[in-house]
Protein backbone atom coordinates (compact mmCIF):
# COMPACT_ATOMS: atom_id res chain seq x y z
CA MET A 1 108.01 73.60 15.12
CA ARG A 2 109.77 73.32 11.85
CA ILE A 3 112.03 70.67 10.25
CA ARG A 4 115.40 71.72 8.54
CA HIS A 5 116.52 68.53 6.48
CA HIS A 6 119.52 70.48 5.18
CA GLY A 7 122.27 71.70 6.85
CA ILE A 8 123.08 72.22 10.43
CA ILE A 9 120.68 70.60 12.52
CA GLY A 10 117.01 72.44 12.99
CA TRP A 11 114.52 72.00 15.82
CA VAL A 12 112.30 69.30 14.56
CA ALA A 13 108.42 68.44 15.36
CA LEU A 14 109.87 65.69 17.81
CA ALA A 15 107.87 63.07 15.80
CA LEU A 16 110.58 60.82 18.30
CA SER A 17 108.74 62.40 21.50
CA LEU A 18 108.41 60.64 24.79
CA ALA A 19 108.13 57.03 22.71
CA ALA A 20 112.15 57.39 22.23
CA PHE A 21 112.37 56.99 26.20
CA GLY A 22 110.21 53.89 26.77
CA ALA A 23 107.70 53.77 29.43
CA PRO A 24 108.85 55.78 32.35
CA SER A 25 111.31 53.56 35.13
CA ARG A 26 109.89 53.20 38.53
CA ALA A 27 113.33 53.17 40.02
CA GLU A 28 115.15 56.39 41.27
CA GLU A 29 118.43 57.56 40.82
CA TRP A 30 120.66 60.76 41.57
CA LYS A 31 120.44 62.93 38.61
CA THR A 32 122.16 66.66 38.46
CA ALA A 33 119.64 69.05 38.30
CA TRP A 34 121.98 71.86 38.17
CA ALA A 35 125.63 72.79 38.02
CA ALA A 36 128.07 75.72 38.46
CA PRO A 37 131.42 74.70 37.80
CA VAL A 38 133.96 76.43 40.32
CA GLN A 39 136.98 78.04 38.09
CA GLY A 40 139.23 79.86 40.65
CA PRO A 41 139.77 81.94 43.98
CA PHE A 42 137.30 84.77 44.03
CA PRO A 43 138.30 87.24 42.44
CA ALA A 44 139.72 85.61 39.54
CA GLY A 45 136.97 85.77 37.05
CA HIS A 46 134.72 87.30 34.33
CA PRO A 47 131.40 88.45 36.54
CA THR A 48 128.92 90.34 34.79
CA ALA A 49 127.15 93.14 36.39
CA GLN A 50 128.50 92.88 39.80
CA PRO A 51 127.81 95.01 42.59
CA SER A 52 130.76 96.53 44.70
CA LEU A 53 131.07 93.48 47.18
CA GLU A 54 133.71 95.56 49.60
CA GLN A 55 131.42 95.27 52.74
CA ALA A 56 130.57 91.67 51.73
CA ILE A 57 133.74 90.37 51.80
CA PRO A 58 136.58 92.74 52.26
CA ASP A 59 139.29 90.53 52.36
CA PRO A 60 139.82 88.31 49.91
CA ALA A 61 142.44 86.66 51.45
CA ARG A 62 140.52 86.25 54.74
CA GLY A 63 137.11 84.95 52.35
CA ALA A 64 134.19 84.63 53.81
CA VAL A 65 134.13 85.47 57.84
CA ASP A 66 131.43 84.35 60.06
CA GLN A 67 129.01 84.76 57.73
CA THR A 68 126.09 83.22 55.39
CA PHE A 69 125.74 82.91 51.66
CA ARG A 70 121.78 82.48 50.22
CA LEU A 71 122.12 81.38 47.03
CA ILE A 72 119.71 81.65 44.09
CA VAL A 73 119.69 78.69 42.24
CA ARG A 74 117.07 77.33 38.87
CA PRO A 75 117.04 73.14 38.63
CA ASP A 76 116.39 72.04 35.34
CA ILE A 77 114.24 69.49 36.69
CA TRP A 78 112.47 69.19 40.11
CA GLY A 79 112.31 66.20 42.44
CA LYS A 80 111.06 65.68 46.15
CA THR A 81 114.66 64.98 47.30
CA VAL A 82 117.86 67.11 46.76
CA ARG A 83 121.37 66.75 47.59
CA LEU A 84 124.03 69.35 47.04
CA ARG A 85 127.45 69.58 46.85
CA PHE A 86 130.14 71.96 48.12
CA SER A 87 133.33 72.46 46.88
CA ASN A 88 136.80 73.78 48.20
CA THR A 89 138.87 73.16 45.30
CA PHE A 90 140.30 76.22 45.18
CA GLY A 91 140.99 77.10 48.96
CA ASP A 92 143.95 77.35 50.93
CA LYS A 93 142.92 76.24 54.14
CA PRO A 94 139.84 73.68 55.03
CA LEU A 95 136.32 74.90 54.53
CA SER A 96 133.87 74.63 57.87
CA LEU A 97 130.10 75.05 57.22
CA ASP A 98 126.97 74.67 59.33
CA GLY A 99 123.71 76.14 59.31
CA VAL A 100 122.86 74.85 55.75
CA PHE A 101 119.17 75.29 54.42
CA VAL A 102 117.39 74.58 51.38
CA GLY A 103 114.14 76.48 50.25
CA LEU A 104 111.81 77.37 47.98
CA ARG A 105 112.82 81.19 46.95
CA ALA A 106 109.59 83.58 47.42
CA GLY A 107 111.63 86.79 46.17
CA ALA A 108 115.14 88.23 46.57
CA ALA A 109 116.52 86.98 49.42
CA ALA A 110 113.35 85.92 51.22
CA VAL A 111 112.01 81.88 51.11
CA ALA A 112 108.76 81.10 50.78
CA LYS A 113 106.88 80.17 54.62
CA GLY A 114 107.61 76.88 55.83
CA THR A 115 109.81 75.57 52.47
CA ASN A 116 113.08 75.84 54.33
CA HIS A 117 114.87 71.97 55.30
CA GLN A 118 117.88 72.04 56.82
CA VAL A 119 120.70 69.71 55.16
CA THR A 120 123.14 67.54 56.72
CA PHE A 121 125.94 66.31 55.95
CA ASN A 122 126.46 62.08 57.00
CA PHE A 123 123.75 62.80 59.51
CA SER A 124 125.89 65.92 61.02
CA PRO A 125 124.83 69.58 60.54
CA GLU A 126 128.14 70.51 59.59
CA VAL A 127 131.13 69.41 57.47
CA SER A 128 134.75 70.55 57.19
CA ILE A 129 136.04 70.33 53.99
CA PRO A 130 139.71 70.11 52.98
CA PRO A 131 141.83 72.02 50.64
CA GLY A 132 141.32 70.39 46.99
CA GLU A 133 138.09 68.72 47.87
CA SER A 134 134.55 68.59 47.36
CA VAL A 135 131.44 66.87 49.57
CA TRP A 136 128.14 65.61 48.42
CA SER A 137 125.22 66.66 51.07
CA ASP A 138 122.94 63.90 52.68
CA GLY A 139 119.40 63.99 50.71
CA VAL A 140 116.68 65.97 52.13
CA THR A 141 113.07 65.57 51.33
CA LEU A 142 111.05 68.70 50.27
CA PRO A 143 107.63 68.27 50.98
CA PHE A 144 106.93 71.16 48.76
CA ALA A 145 107.80 69.32 45.64
CA ALA A 146 106.31 66.14 46.35
CA ALA A 147 102.83 67.95 46.59
CA VAL A 148 103.11 69.98 43.54
CA ASP A 149 103.09 68.90 39.74
CA PRO A 150 106.85 69.03 38.97
CA GLY A 151 105.46 70.88 35.47
CA LEU A 152 104.55 73.83 37.97
CA LEU A 153 107.90 74.01 39.42
CA GLN A 154 109.65 74.51 36.26
CA GLY A 155 111.26 77.87 36.43
CA ARG A 156 111.40 78.58 40.21
CA LYS A 157 114.15 78.67 42.13
CA LEU A 158 115.61 77.39 45.09
CA ALA A 159 117.53 79.39 47.72
CA VAL A 160 120.68 77.49 49.43
CA SER A 161 121.86 79.07 52.24
CA PHE A 162 125.30 78.12 54.63
CA HIS A 163 127.00 79.75 57.25
CA VAL A 164 130.88 80.02 56.97
CA LYS A 165 132.26 79.32 60.36
CA GLY A 166 135.18 81.33 60.97
CA GLU A 167 137.61 82.45 57.89
CA SER A 168 136.99 80.94 54.47
CA GLY A 169 140.44 81.67 53.58
CA ALA A 170 140.75 81.51 49.39
CA ILE A 171 136.57 81.13 48.36
CA THR A 172 136.24 79.01 45.66
CA TRP A 173 133.56 80.33 43.18
CA HIS A 174 131.64 80.68 39.94
CA ALA A 175 131.98 84.40 38.62
CA LYS A 176 129.81 85.15 35.94
CA ALA A 177 126.17 83.33 37.98
CA LEU A 178 123.94 86.06 35.81
CA THR A 179 121.92 85.76 38.74
CA THR A 180 121.37 87.62 41.78
CA SER A 181 122.55 86.01 45.00
CA TYR A 182 122.56 87.31 48.50
CA ILE A 183 125.11 87.57 51.75
CA SER A 184 124.78 88.40 55.42
CA PRO A 185 127.58 90.57 56.67
CA PRO A 186 130.72 89.25 58.07
CA GLY A 187 130.75 88.55 61.26
CA SER A 188 126.43 88.39 61.68
CA GLY A 189 126.66 84.56 61.93
CA SER A 190 124.62 81.83 61.05
CA ARG A 191 121.01 83.02 59.16
CA GLY A 192 120.59 80.07 56.99
CA HIS A 193 117.23 78.83 59.10
CA GLU A 194 115.85 82.37 58.40
CA GLU A 195 112.81 82.71 55.97
CA GLY A 196 113.22 86.27 55.96
CA GLU A 197 115.74 88.52 53.71
CA THR A 198 116.26 91.10 56.48
CA ASN A 199 119.94 89.88 57.50
CA PHE A 200 121.15 89.45 53.74
CA PRO A 201 121.52 93.20 52.55
CA HIS A 202 124.38 92.40 50.18
CA SER A 203 123.77 91.23 46.53
CA THR A 204 126.30 89.61 44.08
CA ALA A 205 125.87 88.29 40.67
CA SER A 206 128.43 84.92 41.16
CA TRP A 207 127.92 81.51 43.00
CA TYR A 208 130.44 80.51 45.98
CA PHE A 209 131.56 76.88 47.08
CA LEU A 210 128.01 75.53 45.84
CA ASP A 211 128.60 73.75 42.53
CA ALA A 212 125.92 70.88 41.53
CA LEU A 213 122.75 69.97 42.49
CA ASP A 214 120.93 66.69 42.18
CA VAL A 215 117.56 65.39 42.41
CA LEU A 216 116.32 62.01 42.76
CA ALA A 217 114.46 61.33 39.39
CA PRO A 218 113.82 58.29 37.58
CA ALA A 219 116.52 56.45 36.39
CA ASP A 220 115.86 56.85 33.00
CA THR A 221 116.37 60.75 33.06
CA ARG A 222 119.01 61.98 30.69
CA VAL A 223 121.46 64.52 31.69
CA ILE A 224 122.96 66.92 29.09
CA VAL A 225 125.86 68.95 29.79
CA ALA A 226 126.23 72.01 28.11
CA PHE A 227 129.98 72.29 28.00
CA GLY A 228 132.11 75.53 27.25
CA ASP A 229 133.30 79.10 27.71
CA SER A 230 131.81 82.29 27.17
CA LEU A 231 128.87 81.99 25.17
CA THR A 232 127.69 78.68 26.95
CA ASP A 233 127.96 80.72 30.61
CA GLY A 234 125.94 83.37 28.81
CA SER A 235 127.84 86.38 28.68
CA SER A 236 125.31 89.12 27.37
CA SER A 237 122.39 87.58 27.80
CA THR A 238 120.04 89.26 30.37
CA ILE A 239 120.33 89.23 34.26
CA ASN A 240 118.31 86.98 35.76
CA GLY A 241 116.82 86.21 32.73
CA ASP A 242 117.58 82.90 32.20
CA ASP A 243 117.99 82.94 28.53
CA ARG A 244 121.40 81.33 27.61
CA TRP A 245 121.23 79.42 24.72
CA PRO A 246 121.17 76.10 27.35
CA ASP A 247 117.90 77.88 28.95
CA ALA A 248 116.47 78.22 25.70
CA PHE A 249 117.16 74.69 24.36
CA SER A 250 116.18 73.57 27.93
CA ARG A 251 112.72 74.85 27.63
CA LEU A 252 112.38 73.55 23.86
CA LEU A 253 113.20 70.24 25.38
CA HIS A 254 110.74 70.38 28.45
CA ALA A 255 107.92 71.18 25.96
CA ALA A 256 108.53 68.28 24.06
CA TYR A 257 109.73 66.01 26.48
CA GLY A 258 108.07 67.14 30.05
CA ASP A 259 110.92 66.49 32.88
CA ARG A 260 112.84 63.26 31.61
CA ILE A 261 115.20 65.14 30.41
CA SER A 262 117.84 67.17 32.84
CA LEU A 263 120.27 70.22 31.05
CA VAL A 264 122.66 71.71 33.08
CA ASN A 265 125.26 75.00 32.55
CA SER A 266 129.11 73.86 32.98
CA GLY A 267 130.37 77.26 30.84
CA ILE A 268 133.25 79.37 32.38
CA GLY A 269 133.61 82.73 30.79
CA GLY A 270 137.30 83.07 29.64
CA ASN A 271 137.75 79.32 29.55
CA GLU A 272 140.00 77.18 27.27
CA VAL A 273 140.75 74.21 25.51
CA ALA A 274 144.23 73.54 25.42
CA GLY A 275 145.62 76.00 27.80
CA PRO A 276 146.51 77.23 30.32
CA ALA A 277 149.42 74.76 30.47
CA VAL A 278 149.49 75.16 34.45
CA TYR A 279 147.02 76.28 36.52
CA SER A 280 147.96 78.02 39.69
CA VAL A 281 145.72 79.08 42.94
CA GLN A 282 148.54 81.01 43.83
CA ASN A 283 148.51 82.92 40.43
CA PRO A 284 145.06 82.15 38.84
CA THR A 285 143.62 83.06 35.29
CA PRO A 286 140.50 84.60 34.96
CA GLY A 287 138.94 81.55 32.87
CA GLY A 288 140.27 79.10 35.27
CA PRO A 289 141.56 75.54 34.10
CA SER A 290 141.82 74.17 30.89
CA ALA A 291 138.61 72.51 29.91
CA LEU A 292 141.27 69.07 29.35
CA GLU A 293 141.22 69.45 33.43
CA ARG A 294 138.46 70.30 34.61
CA LEU A 295 136.41 67.83 32.45
CA LYS A 296 136.25 65.26 35.24
CA ARG A 297 134.89 67.21 37.69
CA ASP A 298 132.41 69.36 35.49
CA ILE A 299 131.14 66.46 33.45
CA LEU A 300 132.42 63.13 34.30
CA ASP A 301 131.72 63.32 37.95
CA LEU A 302 128.48 64.88 37.69
CA SER A 303 125.42 62.38 38.03
CA GLY A 304 123.76 60.53 35.38
CA VAL A 305 125.13 62.32 32.33
CA THR A 306 123.90 60.48 28.97
CA THR A 307 125.49 63.78 26.07
CA VAL A 308 127.88 66.57 26.28
CA ILE A 309 127.85 69.59 23.90
CA TRP A 310 130.86 70.93 23.65
CA LEU A 311 131.43 74.90 22.14
CA GLU A 312 134.33 75.90 22.82
CA GLY A 313 138.01 77.34 21.79
CA ILE A 314 138.24 80.82 20.61
CA ASN A 315 139.74 82.00 23.84
CA ASP A 316 142.70 79.79 22.60
CA LEU A 317 142.83 81.21 19.57
CA ARG A 318 143.95 84.37 21.35
CA HIS A 319 146.81 83.76 21.92
CA PRO A 320 149.32 83.85 19.21
CA GLU A 321 151.72 80.96 19.72
CA ARG A 322 148.56 78.29 19.93
CA THR A 323 147.55 76.78 16.65
CA PRO A 324 144.10 74.96 15.33
CA GLY A 325 145.92 72.11 15.46
CA GLU A 326 146.88 72.28 19.12
CA VAL A 327 143.03 73.12 19.74
CA PHE A 328 141.81 70.55 17.64
CA GLU A 329 143.91 67.86 19.67
CA GLY A 330 143.03 69.16 22.32
CA PHE A 331 139.20 68.21 21.22
CA ARG A 332 140.36 64.95 20.50
CA LYS A 333 142.11 64.49 24.06
CA GLY A 334 139.19 65.61 25.64
CA VAL A 335 136.77 63.15 24.16
CA ALA A 336 138.79 60.42 24.80
CA LEU A 337 139.11 60.92 28.41
CA ILE A 338 135.27 61.73 28.15
CA LYS A 339 134.28 58.17 26.21
CA ALA A 340 137.18 56.14 28.88
CA GLY A 341 135.42 57.50 31.89
CA ALA A 342 131.69 57.23 30.73
CA PRO A 343 131.90 55.46 26.96
CA GLU A 344 127.83 55.72 26.91
CA VAL A 345 128.18 59.39 26.76
CA ARG A 346 127.74 60.88 23.80
CA VAL A 347 129.39 63.92 23.22
CA VAL A 348 128.30 66.34 20.20
CA GLY A 349 130.68 69.10 19.49
CA SER A 350 129.89 72.98 17.38
CA THR A 351 131.94 74.57 15.05
CA LEU A 352 133.32 77.97 16.80
CA THR A 353 131.45 81.21 16.03
CA THR A 354 132.58 84.32 14.42
CA VAL A 355 134.27 87.13 16.53
CA LEU A 356 135.66 89.12 13.59
CA GLY A 357 135.66 92.84 14.20
CA GLY A 358 134.98 91.55 18.37
CA THR A 359 135.86 94.61 20.62
CA ALA A 360 136.53 92.09 23.52
CA ALA A 361 140.03 91.87 25.42
CA GLY A 362 142.11 89.40 22.58
CA HIS A 363 139.10 88.82 19.73
CA GLY A 364 138.46 90.34 16.85
CA GLY A 365 141.25 90.27 14.57
CA VAL A 366 141.31 89.18 11.20
CA GLU A 367 144.91 86.51 11.95
CA GLN A 368 142.45 85.16 14.83
CA ASP A 369 139.73 84.76 12.60
CA GLU A 370 141.70 82.84 9.58
CA LYS A 371 142.57 80.51 12.56
CA ARG A 372 139.17 80.16 13.65
CA LYS A 373 138.19 78.92 9.78
CA GLU A 374 140.88 76.58 10.01
CA LEU A 375 139.84 74.92 13.21
CA ASN A 376 136.35 74.84 12.16
CA ARG A 377 137.63 73.20 8.88
CA LEU A 378 139.37 70.69 11.06
CA ILE A 379 136.86 69.53 13.30
CA GLY A 380 134.19 69.61 9.68
CA GLU A 381 136.59 66.79 7.96
CA ASN A 382 138.09 64.92 11.16
CA SER A 383 135.63 65.55 13.88
CA PRO A 384 136.30 63.81 17.10
CA PHE A 385 132.53 63.75 18.15
CA ASP A 386 129.44 61.79 17.65
CA ALA A 387 128.02 64.26 16.37
CA LEU A 388 128.14 68.66 15.29
CA LEU A 389 126.40 71.76 15.06
CA ASP A 390 127.21 74.68 12.92
CA PHE A 391 126.13 77.16 15.29
CA ASP A 392 128.83 79.38 13.57
CA ALA A 393 126.72 79.27 10.48
CA VAL A 394 123.24 80.35 12.85
CA VAL A 395 124.70 83.56 13.96
CA ARG A 396 127.54 84.71 11.44
CA ASP A 397 126.45 86.82 8.68
CA ALA A 398 127.35 85.84 5.42
CA GLU A 399 128.27 89.26 3.63
CA SER A 400 130.48 90.87 6.41
CA GLY A 401 131.74 87.56 8.21
CA LYS A 402 130.79 89.12 12.03
CA ILE A 403 128.24 88.36 13.66
CA ARG A 404 124.78 89.43 12.45
CA LYS A 405 123.55 92.60 13.69
CA GLU A 406 120.26 91.74 15.31
CA PHE A 407 122.41 89.67 18.12
CA VAL A 408 124.69 92.29 18.65
CA PRO A 409 123.17 94.59 21.04
CA ASP A 410 123.88 93.35 24.69
CA SER A 411 120.97 92.78 26.81
CA GLY A 412 122.82 91.65 29.74
CA VAL A 413 123.33 95.14 30.86
CA GLY A 414 122.22 97.48 28.13
CA HIS A 415 125.67 97.63 26.56
CA ALA A 416 125.90 98.37 22.58
CA GLY A 417 127.66 94.33 22.66
CA ASP A 418 131.06 93.46 21.72
CA TRP A 419 130.20 91.41 18.61
CA VAL A 420 131.77 88.18 20.33
CA HIS A 421 128.84 87.34 22.16
CA PRO A 422 125.41 86.94 21.04
CA ASN A 423 122.34 88.57 22.62
CA ARG A 424 119.44 86.86 24.23
CA ALA A 425 118.08 86.84 20.61
CA GLY A 426 121.25 85.36 19.25
CA TYR A 427 121.04 82.70 22.00
CA LEU A 428 117.69 81.81 21.36
CA ARG A 429 118.07 81.39 18.06
CA LEU A 430 121.42 78.86 18.96
CA ALA A 431 119.03 77.05 20.82
CA GLU A 432 116.24 76.25 18.31
CA SER A 433 118.76 75.43 15.73
CA ILE A 434 119.58 71.87 17.19
CA GLU A 435 118.04 69.09 16.62
CA ALA A 436 117.07 66.26 19.06
CA ARG A 437 118.35 63.38 16.89
CA ALA A 438 122.14 64.87 17.12
CA LEU A 439 121.97 64.52 20.78
CA PHE A 440 119.38 60.79 21.22
CA PRO A 441 120.07 59.17 17.40
């Protein structure tokens, strides 16, 4: 690994290493190992490579109807005991779940034999979640996780299954999962206990209702939240490749620190810092509520958070009436809110990356680029953050002002690229540019 002594923070050889953490703690606490911030009622959002859901969810108003979801998720750290958070944040009626199971994914929608375990809620196999609320499950022990070195489980995925009793009404979801999950047909009943995949014929590239997973881990385990918009959510990265920049950075961290760090993704495609001023479930915007409105749920209410990396703001600048100063003030308010709720949390910001010449809706113009440069200047001169990354310098071509050509071709679905979102190579470069001491001074 190389050391950069100047400019934005490069990846270091990590002489800090595990010595920076001290001796392993024997006490265990809940630590968030996976997250998928909910952004609104289905189908408002920006999914990538979404197959037709006309048969799986034929009527969004009725939502899920007596059917089972099998969501595929990748914990960033593993432990023998896990718990799940289910959300009805954007629902319009109580959400009734039963037949909830979690097991090691074997492949596609199949669960590895003998690993599927029932999940309860206050010792009950079912739960009703009122509109606007969420609920944590009880802890469930996964014997297979206790029997295997955690390092051997890195990159493996869990299958979380749950049955929606009756009709769910409006479905709370995360659109851009970039991970294939599975749904049984409407009216097919409770199938979560089954290890096989036969009764899950429908695939989806989104996550529904489930928005966080915790594991019991050593008390000194550090949890990093990557918070932001589509660049953090992973637009243009590879479907099922787990190569968003937070994924790539996670692998670097685990190579250096083992399982003493968990990095979770709280990015939402289309999200804004200072808008929308009012978010309505009846008239939702695809990017969901503003960062300021959702940061409690997607940062402070997660377990064991020690550091936030906040990359956002370019979507605000699509709006001609919104100024760089307003977005900068949004950052100041956001950092203050985080510090008020958790003073010990370190908040790391970043410059906004170039979208000059971009073909994505609302992006690419010279006026937007000038506003972006002004916002970057404000952040650099009077930063509200504890540390600042310069992601823009990593991906921008100094001569053209656009994203470097090698970072443009879309690795997600094979398109030419939109000159807004880096591809897999670009996200990898962003991950490699982050220096550990920005996160752990």
